[in-house]
Amino acid sequence: MTSRGRMRLIMKRPRSLCWIIVLVLVGLVSGACGRGEQGASSAPIAGTPAGEWRTWSFDQGRAGQLPSGLSEQKTGSGTLPKWEVVTDSTAPSPPNALAQRSKENSGEHFNLAVVEDSDYQDLELEVKFKAVEGAEDQGGGLVWRYQDPGNYYIARANPLEDNFRIYKVVRGVRRQLKGAYIKVTSGAWHAMRIVAKGDQMECFYDGKQYLAVRDATFKRGKIGLWTKADAVTYFDDLRARPLQ
């Protein structure tokens, strides 16, 4: 090989090496971005670090009265609901539970008990409940990110329909986000749990996740309990804690 040929080869090698380095760097950056997007969409929010639990067992309340710190609210027409402490030896933490006893309303009438001094953004929320009676509707559920009687999220289970659903109520109109057909029994205690972080929400019934949705309508708000129309339902051990 002549001296001129060797010089050409030496000059070509750095240029080829530069292209190799550029291609490797592009591949690394693309791979990192892809992994980041995948992790963000698949990471379970239930494992998020959390704060201290706050619990409402209703055992300190007087039978026949609304517990201190809760307010009765309604969505739709009709009369205010009747939430009161009742004695129930079968309650998960006896002797008391909180009951919605009103039966005179019907249709798209929602009975709410709101924890007035609550304010959560990302949270874990759970309750035990028992459907007692109701000709038009039965069961009930949890409310979170409550703004006012016309704006909030709700997850509820209905023994008459055997389904578990999550809704958002916006300006008094209820819209279903997702649902699942499951066996819901009346006259027995069941557990409901919600995990909400950002726009992600997961809903559990008796320890099993059935629903997972994304919605960013409400960012934070109060928590509460919910029934529909003439549903008489007992609740116990309402608990909430913030997620970090």
C-alpha atoms as a PDB file:
ATOM      1  CA  MET A   1       0.000   0.000   0.000  1.00  0.00           C
ATOM      2  CA  THR A   2       1.346   3.417  -0.933  1.00  0.00           C
ATOM      3  CA  SER A   3       1.829   6.219   1.572  1.00  0.00           C
ATOM      4  CA  ARG A   4      -1.099   8.125   0.023  1.00  0.00           C
ATOM      5  CA  GLY A   5      -3.397   5.081   0.456  1.00  0.00           C
ATOM      6  CA  ARG A   6      -2.448   4.660   4.087  1.00  0.00           C
ATOM      7  CA  MET A   7      -3.252   8.317   4.726  1.00  0.00           C
ATOM      8  CA  ARG A   8      -6.693   7.955   3.143  1.00  0.00           C
ATOM      9  CA  LEU A   9      -7.452   4.913   5.344  1.00  0.00           C
ATOM     10  CA  ILE A  10      -6.395   6.762   8.486  1.00  0.00           C
ATOM     11  CA  MET A  11      -8.618   9.708   7.583  1.00  0.00           C
ATOM     12  CA  LYS A  12     -11.657   7.467   6.917  1.00  0.00           C
ATOM     13  CA  ARG A  13     -11.498   5.561  10.231  1.00  0.00           C
ATOM     14  CA  PRO A  14     -12.302   8.490  12.566  1.00  0.00           C
ATOM     15  CA  ARG A  15     -15.268   9.461  10.370  1.00  0.00           C
ATOM     16  CA  SER A  16     -16.639   5.877  10.503  1.00  0.00           C
ATOM     17  CA  LEU A  17     -16.044   5.707  14.242  1.00  0.00           C
ATOM     18  CA  CYS A  18     -17.997   8.932  14.741  1.00  0.00           C
ATOM     19  CA  TRP A  19     -21.000   7.524  12.918  1.00  0.00           C
ATOM     20  CA  ILE A  20     -20.901   4.375  15.062  1.00  0.00           C
ATOM     21  CA  ILE A  21     -20.853   6.462  18.259  1.00  0.00           C
ATOM     22  CA  VAL A  22     -23.778   8.575  17.041  1.00  0.00           C
ATOM     23  CA  LEU A  23     -25.872   5.482  16.217  1.00  0.00           C
ATOM     24  CA  VAL A  24     -25.157   3.922  19.627  1.00  0.00           C
ATOM     25  CA  LEU A  25     -26.148   7.110  21.457  1.00  0.00           C
ATOM     26  CA  VAL A  26     -29.397   7.410  19.471  1.00  0.00           C
ATOM     27  CA  GLY A  27     -30.254   3.822  20.331  1.00  0.00           C
ATOM     28  CA  LEU A  28     -29.608   4.365  24.034  1.00  0.00           C
ATOM     29  CA  VAL A  29     -31.739   7.512  24.164  1.00  0.00           C
ATOM     30  CA  SER A  30     -34.610   5.880  22.265  1.00  0.00           C
ATOM     31  CA  GLY A  31     -34.522   2.838  24.520  1.00  0.00           C
ATOM     32  CA  ALA A  32     -34.559   4.970  27.642  1.00  0.00           C
ATOM     33  CA  CYS A  33     -37.532   6.983  26.389  1.00  0.00           C
ATOM     34  CA  GLY A  34     -39.446   3.862  25.467  1.00  0.00           C
ATOM     35  CA  ARG A  35     -38.851   2.306  28.878  1.00  0.00           C
ATOM     36  CA  GLY A  36     -39.970   5.506  30.605  1.00  0.00           C
ATOM     37  CA  GLU A  37     -43.285   5.653  28.756  1.00  0.00           C
ATOM     38  CA  GLN A  38     -43.980   1.986  29.361  1.00  0.00           C
ATOM     39  CA  GLY A  39     -43.214   2.277  33.070  1.00  0.00           C
ATOM     40  CA  ALA A  40     -45.455   5.306  33.464  1.00  0.00           C
ATOM     41  CA  SER A  41     -48.440   3.508  31.959  1.00  0.00           C
ATOM     42  CA  SER A  42     -48.010   0.167  33.710  1.00  0.00           C
ATOM     43  CA  ALA A  43     -46.804   1.117  37.201  1.00  0.00           C
ATOM     44  CA  PRO A  44     -49.379   0.004  39.822  1.00  0.00           C
ATOM     45  CA  ILE A  45     -50.582   2.972  41.851  1.00  0.00           C
ATOM     46  CA  ALA A  46     -51.626   0.738  44.744  1.00  0.00           C
ATOM     47  CA  GLY A  47     -47.955   0.502  45.781  1.00  0.00           C
ATOM     48  CA  THR A  48     -47.527   4.254  46.205  1.00  0.00           C
ATOM     49  CA  PRO A  49     -46.192   5.371  49.633  1.00  0.00           C
ATOM     50  CA  ALA A  50     -49.014   6.620  51.819  1.00  0.00           C
ATOM     51  CA  GLY A  51     -49.682   8.750  54.867  1.00  0.00           C
ATOM     52  CA  GLU A  52     -51.579   7.976  58.058  1.00  0.00           C
ATOM     53  CA  TRP A  53     -55.051   6.451  58.008  1.00  0.00           C
ATOM     54  CA  ARG A  54     -57.978   8.453  59.287  1.00  0.00           C
ATOM     55  CA  THR A  55     -60.894   6.252  60.404  1.00  0.00           C
ATOM     56  CA  TRP A  56     -64.598   6.807  61.053  1.00  0.00           C
ATOM     57  CA  SER A  57     -66.070   3.811  62.926  1.00  0.00           C
ATOM     58  CA  PHE A  58     -69.220   5.662  64.132  1.00  0.00           C
ATOM     59  CA  ASP A  59     -69.006   3.915  67.509  1.00  0.00           C
ATOM     60  CA  GLN A  60     -68.788   7.218  69.391  1.00  0.00           C
ATOM     61  CA  GLY A  61     -71.941   8.603  67.786  1.00  0.00           C
ATOM     62  CA  ARG A  62     -75.393   8.497  69.346  1.00  0.00           C
ATOM     63  CA  ALA A  63     -77.987   6.211  67.773  1.00  0.00           C
ATOM     64  CA  GLY A  64     -80.496   8.082  65.640  1.00  0.00           C
ATOM     65  CA  GLN A  65     -78.215  11.063  65.028  1.00  0.00           C
ATOM     66  CA  LEU A  66     -75.871  12.195  62.264  1.00  0.00           C
ATOM     67  CA  PRO A  67     -72.244  11.936  63.421  1.00  0.00           C
ATOM     68  CA  SER A  68     -70.401  15.175  64.063  1.00  0.00           C
ATOM     69  CA  GLY A  69     -68.378  16.354  61.070  1.00  0.00           C
ATOM     70  CA  LEU A  70     -70.679  14.838  58.449  1.00  0.00           C
ATOM     71  CA  SER A  71     -73.310  16.656  56.413  1.00  0.00           C
ATOM     72  CA  GLU A  72     -76.358  15.371  54.537  1.00  0.00           C
ATOM     73  CA  GLN A  73     -76.403  16.342  50.871  1.00  0.00           C
ATOM     74  CA  LYS A  74     -78.385  15.306  47.810  1.00  0.00           C
ATOM     75  CA  THR A  75     -77.980  15.303  44.047  1.00  0.00           C
ATOM     76  CA  GLY A  76     -81.214  15.711  42.120  1.00  0.00           C
ATOM     77  CA  SER A  77     -84.716  16.615  43.181  1.00  0.00           C
ATOM     78  CA  GLY A  78     -86.510  15.342  46.253  1.00  0.00           C
ATOM     79  CA  THR A  79     -85.871  15.577  49.976  1.00  0.00           C
ATOM     80  CA  LEU A  80     -82.617  15.417  51.884  1.00  0.00           C
ATOM     81  CA  PRO A  81     -81.490  11.924  52.896  1.00  0.00           C
ATOM     82  CA  LYS A  82     -81.648  10.604  56.443  1.00  0.00           C
ATOM     83  CA  TRP A  83     -78.210   9.494  57.618  1.00  0.00           C
ATOM     84  CA  GLU A  84     -77.989   8.309  61.220  1.00  0.00           C
ATOM     85  CA  VAL A  85     -76.037   6.075  63.556  1.00  0.00           C
ATOM     86  CA  VAL A  86     -77.627   2.651  64.103  1.00  0.00           C
ATOM     87  CA  THR A  87     -76.778  -0.246  66.392  1.00  0.00           C
ATOM     88  CA  ASP A  88     -75.769  -3.388  64.484  1.00  0.00           C
ATOM     89  CA  SER A  89     -74.138  -6.315  66.251  1.00  0.00           C
ATOM     90  CA  THR A  90     -72.976  -7.696  62.878  1.00  0.00           C
ATOM     91  CA  ALA A  91     -71.013  -4.551  62.011  1.00  0.00           C
ATOM     92  CA  PRO A  92     -67.315  -5.111  61.233  1.00  0.00           C
ATOM     93  CA  SER A  93     -66.448  -2.970  64.272  1.00  0.00           C
ATOM     94  CA  PRO A  94     -69.516  -3.173  66.555  1.00  0.00           C
ATOM     95  CA  PRO A  95     -71.623  -1.830  68.067  1.00  0.00           C
ATOM     96  CA  ASN A  96     -72.496   0.933  65.569  1.00  0.00           C
ATOM     97  CA  ALA A  97     -72.740   1.625  61.865  1.00  0.00           C
ATOM     98  CA  LEU A  98     -73.901   4.592  59.785  1.00  0.00           C
ATOM     99  CA  ALA A  99     -77.142   4.092  57.855  1.00  0.00           C
ATOM    100  CA  GLN A 100     -79.011   5.894  55.101  1.00  0.00           C
ATOM    101  CA  ARG A 101     -82.649   5.321  56.158  1.00  0.00           C
ATOM    102  CA  SER A 102     -84.684   7.538  53.803  1.00  0.00           C
ATOM    103  CA  LYS A 103     -86.941   5.627  51.368  1.00  0.00           C
ATOM    104  CA  GLU A 104     -89.201   8.331  49.905  1.00  0.00           C
ATOM    105  CA  ASN A 105     -87.003   9.375  46.941  1.00  0.00           C
ATOM    106  CA  SER A 106     -86.734   7.763  43.510  1.00  0.00           C
ATOM    107  CA  GLY A 107     -85.083   8.080  40.114  1.00  0.00           C
ATOM    108  CA  GLU A 108     -81.841   9.989  39.694  1.00  0.00           C
ATOM    109  CA  HIS A 109     -81.790  11.068  43.333  1.00  0.00           C
ATOM    110  CA  PHE A 110     -78.485  10.501  45.128  1.00  0.00           C
ATOM    111  CA  ASN A 111     -78.110  10.481  48.926  1.00  0.00           C
ATOM    112  CA  LEU A 112     -74.753  11.724  50.199  1.00  0.00           C
ATOM    113  CA  ALA A 113     -73.028  11.875  53.565  1.00  0.00           C
ATOM    114  CA  VAL A 114     -70.013  14.174  53.193  1.00  0.00           C
ATOM    115  CA  VAL A 115     -67.035  14.420  55.548  1.00  0.00           C
ATOM    116  CA  GLU A 116     -66.839  18.200  55.716  1.00  0.00           C
ATOM    117  CA  ASP A 117     -63.322  18.572  57.121  1.00  0.00           C
ATOM    118  CA  SER A 118     -61.738  16.241  54.551  1.00  0.00           C
ATOM    119  CA  ASP A 119     -59.631  17.353  51.581  1.00  0.00           C
ATOM    120  CA  TYR A 120     -57.678  14.815  49.528  1.00  0.00           C
ATOM    121  CA  GLN A 121     -55.911  14.909  46.193  1.00  0.00           C
ATOM    122  CA  ASP A 122     -54.261  11.488  45.775  1.00  0.00           C
ATOM    123  CA  LEU A 123     -55.714   9.012  48.237  1.00  0.00           C
ATOM    124  CA  GLU A 124     -56.617   5.499  49.296  1.00  0.00           C
ATOM    125  CA  LEU A 125     -60.217   5.195  50.476  1.00  0.00           C
ATOM    126  CA  GLU A 126     -62.176   2.226  51.799  1.00  0.00           C
ATOM    127  CA  VAL A 127     -65.372   1.264  53.592  1.00  0.00           C
ATOM    128  CA  LYS A 128     -67.437  -1.744  54.629  1.00  0.00           C
ATOM    129  CA  PHE A 129     -71.107  -1.701  53.574  1.00  0.00           C
ATOM    130  CA  LYS A 130     -74.251  -3.804  53.752  1.00  0.00           C
ATOM    131  CA  ALA A 131     -77.276  -3.435  51.468  1.00  0.00           C
ATOM    132  CA  VAL A 132     -80.384  -3.731  53.684  1.00  0.00           C
ATOM    133  CA  GLU A 133     -83.411  -2.926  51.544  1.00  0.00           C
ATOM    134  CA  GLY A 134     -84.787  -0.937  48.617  1.00  0.00           C
ATOM    135  CA  ALA A 135     -87.432  -1.646  46.000  1.00  0.00           C
ATOM    136  CA  GLU A 136     -86.009   0.583  43.251  1.00  0.00           C
ATOM    137  CA  ASP A 137     -82.352   0.567  44.207  1.00  0.00           C
ATOM    138  CA  GLN A 138     -79.983  -1.106  46.663  1.00  0.00           C
ATOM    139  CA  GLY A 139     -76.370  -0.915  47.692  1.00  0.00           C
ATOM    140  CA  GLY A 140     -74.150   2.127  47.656  1.00  0.00           C
ATOM    141  CA  GLY A 141     -70.565   3.223  47.621  1.00  0.00           C
ATOM    142  CA  LEU A 142     -67.800   5.775  48.056  1.00  0.00           C
ATOM    143  CA  VAL A 143     -67.476   9.411  47.001  1.00  0.00           C
ATOM    144  CA  TRP A 144     -64.145  11.177  46.471  1.00  0.00           C
ATOM    145  CA  ARG A 145     -62.897  14.501  45.108  1.00  0.00           C
ATOM    146  CA  TYR A 146     -66.285  15.939  46.014  1.00  0.00           C
ATOM    147  CA  GLN A 147     -66.689  19.609  45.048  1.00  0.00           C
ATOM    148  CA  ASP A 148     -70.378  20.132  45.757  1.00  0.00           C
ATOM    149  CA  PRO A 149     -73.612  18.073  45.440  1.00  0.00           C
ATOM    150  CA  GLY A 150     -73.356  18.198  41.634  1.00  0.00           C
ATOM    151  CA  ASN A 151     -69.666  17.377  41.066  1.00  0.00           C
ATOM    152  CA  TYR A 152     -67.718  14.344  42.312  1.00  0.00           C
ATOM    153  CA  TYR A 153     -66.564  10.767  41.614  1.00  0.00           C
ATOM    154  CA  ILE A 154     -68.555   7.756  42.831  1.00  0.00           C
ATOM    155  CA  ALA A 155     -67.978   3.985  42.851  1.00  0.00           C
ATOM    156  CA  ARG A 156     -70.928   1.835  43.842  1.00  0.00           C
ATOM    157  CA  ALA A 157     -72.095  -1.805  43.948  1.00  0.00           C
ATOM    158  CA  ASN A 158     -75.746  -2.800  43.349  1.00  0.00           C
ATOM    159  CA  PRO A 159     -77.209  -6.171  44.442  1.00  0.00           C
ATOM    160  CA  LEU A 160     -80.342  -5.718  42.319  1.00  0.00           C
ATOM    161  CA  GLU A 161     -78.237  -5.381  39.165  1.00  0.00           C
ATOM    162  CA  ASP A 162     -75.205  -7.454  40.226  1.00  0.00           C
ATOM    163  CA  ASN A 163     -72.721  -4.881  39.011  1.00  0.00           C
ATOM    164  CA  PHE A 164     -69.906  -2.657  40.229  1.00  0.00           C
ATOM    165  CA  ARG A 165     -69.444   0.712  38.523  1.00  0.00           C
ATOM    166  CA  ILE A 166     -67.481   3.944  38.658  1.00  0.00           C
ATOM    167  CA  TYR A 167     -69.100   7.233  37.648  1.00  0.00           C
ATOM    168  CA  LYS A 168     -68.388  10.923  37.588  1.00  0.00           C
ATOM    169  CA  VAL A 169     -71.145  13.381  38.389  1.00  0.00           C
ATOM    170  CA  VAL A 170     -70.717  16.704  36.581  1.00  0.00           C
ATOM    171  CA  ARG A 171     -73.214  19.522  37.096  1.00  0.00           C
ATOM    172  CA  GLY A 172     -75.642  17.008  38.561  1.00  0.00           C
ATOM    173  CA  VAL A 173     -75.496  14.550  35.641  1.00  0.00           C
ATOM    174  CA  ARG A 174     -74.091  11.076  36.276  1.00  0.00           C
ATOM    175  CA  ARG A 175     -71.892   9.505  33.591  1.00  0.00           C
ATOM    176  CA  GLN A 176     -70.527   5.959  33.787  1.00  0.00           C
ATOM    177  CA  LEU A 177     -66.770   5.603  33.287  1.00  0.00           C
ATOM    178  CA  LYS A 178     -66.527   1.825  33.608  1.00  0.00           C
ATOM    179  CA  GLY A 179     -68.436  -1.166  34.987  1.00  0.00           C
ATOM    180  CA  ALA A 180     -68.171  -4.869  35.726  1.00  0.00           C
ATOM    181  CA  TYR A 181     -70.821  -7.544  36.281  1.00  0.00           C
ATOM    182  CA  ILE A 182     -70.157  -9.307  39.592  1.00  0.00           C
ATOM    183  CA  LYS A 183     -72.254 -11.030  42.241  1.00  0.00           C
ATOM    184  CA  VAL A 184     -73.286  -8.513  44.893  1.00  0.00           C
ATOM    185  CA  THR A 185     -75.267  -9.963  47.811  1.00  0.00           C
ATOM    186  CA  SER A 186     -77.593  -7.999  50.069  1.00  0.00           C
ATOM    187  CA  GLY A 187     -77.804  -8.564  53.814  1.00  0.00           C
ATOM    188  CA  ALA A 188     -74.054  -9.223  54.057  1.00  0.00           C
ATOM    189  CA  TRP A 189     -71.061  -6.980  54.682  1.00  0.00           C
ATOM    190  CA  HIS A 190     -68.681  -6.266  51.803  1.00  0.00           C
ATOM    191  CA  ALA A 191     -65.550  -4.142  51.356  1.00  0.00           C
ATOM    192  CA  MET A 192     -64.982  -1.417  48.795  1.00  0.00           C
ATOM    193  CA  ARG A 193     -61.655   0.306  48.196  1.00  0.00           C
ATOM    194  CA  ILE A 194     -60.521   3.131  45.920  1.00  0.00           C
ATOM    195  CA  VAL A 195     -56.962   4.130  45.011  1.00  0.00           C
ATOM    196  CA  ALA A 196     -56.701   7.437  43.135  1.00  0.00           C
ATOM    197  CA  LYS A 197     -53.464   9.092  42.033  1.00  0.00           C
ATOM    198  CA  GLY A 198     -53.475  11.849  39.455  1.00  0.00           C
ATOM    199  CA  ASP A 199     -55.900  10.840  36.724  1.00  0.00           C
ATOM    200  CA  GLN A 200     -55.598   7.114  37.539  1.00  0.00           C
ATOM    201  CA  MET A 201     -58.306   5.417  39.615  1.00  0.00           C
ATOM    202  CA  GLU A 202     -58.553   1.771  40.681  1.00  0.00           C
ATOM    203  CA  CYS A 203     -61.657   0.263  42.298  1.00  0.00           C
ATOM    204  CA  PHE A 204     -61.674  -2.913  44.425  1.00  0.00           C
ATOM    205  CA  TYR A 205     -64.595  -5.027  45.661  1.00  0.00           C
ATOM    206  CA  ASP A 206     -63.957  -7.541  48.459  1.00  0.00           C
ATOM    207  CA  GLY A 207     -60.220  -7.268  47.882  1.00  0.00           C
ATOM    208  CA  LYS A 208     -60.246  -7.775  44.100  1.00  0.00           C
ATOM    209  CA  GLN A 209     -59.635  -5.046  41.539  1.00  0.00           C
ATOM    210  CA  TYR A 210     -62.404  -4.895  38.949  1.00  0.00           C
ATOM    211  CA  LEU A 211     -62.154  -1.367  37.567  1.00  0.00           C
ATOM    212  CA  ALA A 212     -59.308   0.896  36.438  1.00  0.00           C
ATOM    213  CA  VAL A 213     -59.884   4.173  34.625  1.00  0.00           C
ATOM    214  CA  ARG A 214     -58.250   7.482  33.787  1.00  0.00           C
ATOM    215  CA  ASP A 215     -60.104  10.765  34.174  1.00  0.00           C
ATOM    216  CA  ALA A 216     -58.879  14.248  35.093  1.00  0.00           C
ATOM    217  CA  THR A 217     -62.165  16.076  35.663  1.00  0.00           C
ATOM    218  CA  PHE A 218     -61.605  16.547  39.414  1.00  0.00           C
ATOM    219  CA  LYS A 219     -58.174  16.976  41.007  1.00  0.00           C
ATOM    220  CA  ARG A 220     -59.018  17.005  44.737  1.00  0.00           C
ATOM    221  CA  GLY A 221     -61.911  17.350  47.146  1.00  0.00           C
ATOM    222  CA  LYS A 222     -63.856  15.847  50.037  1.00  0.00           C
ATOM    223  CA  ILE A 223     -64.827  12.223  50.645  1.00  0.00           C
ATOM    224  CA  GLY A 224     -68.174  10.711  51.531  1.00  0.00           C
ATOM    225  CA  LEU A 225     -70.747   7.939  51.226  1.00  0.00           C
ATOM    226  CA  TRP A 226     -73.482   7.479  48.638  1.00  0.00           C
ATOM    227  CA  THR A 227     -76.740   5.656  47.953  1.00  0.00           C
ATOM    228  CA  LYS A 228     -79.393   6.087  45.275  1.00  0.00           C
ATOM    229  CA  ALA A 229     -83.160   6.615  45.476  1.00  0.00           C
ATOM    230  CA  ASP A 230     -84.765   4.378  48.154  1.00  0.00           C
ATOM    231  CA  ALA A 231     -81.674   2.286  48.972  1.00  0.00           C
ATOM    232  CA  VAL A 232     -81.277   1.639  52.703  1.00  0.00           C
ATOM    233  CA  THR A 233     -77.623   0.799  53.310  1.00  0.00           C
ATOM    234  CA  TYR A 234     -75.361   0.447  56.355  1.00  0.00           C
ATOM    235  CA  PHE A 235     -71.706   1.575  56.336  1.00  0.00           C
ATOM    236  CA  ASP A 236     -68.861   0.979  58.779  1.00  0.00           C
ATOM    237  CA  ASP A 237     -65.123   1.618  59.099  1.00  0.00           C
ATOM    238  CA  LEU A 238     -64.756   4.411  56.579  1.00  0.00           C
ATOM    239  CA  ARG A 239     -61.013   5.021  56.185  1.00  0.00           C
ATOM    240  CA  ALA A 240     -58.868   7.365  54.109  1.00  0.00           C
ATOM    241  CA  ARG A 241     -55.208   8.243  53.816  1.00  0.00           C
ATOM    242  CA  PRO A 242     -53.267  10.512  51.466  1.00  0.00           C
ATOM    243  CA  LEU A 243     -50.876   9.083  48.897  1.00  0.00           C
ATOM    244  CA  GLN A 244     -47.503  10.752  48.518  1.00  0.00           C
END
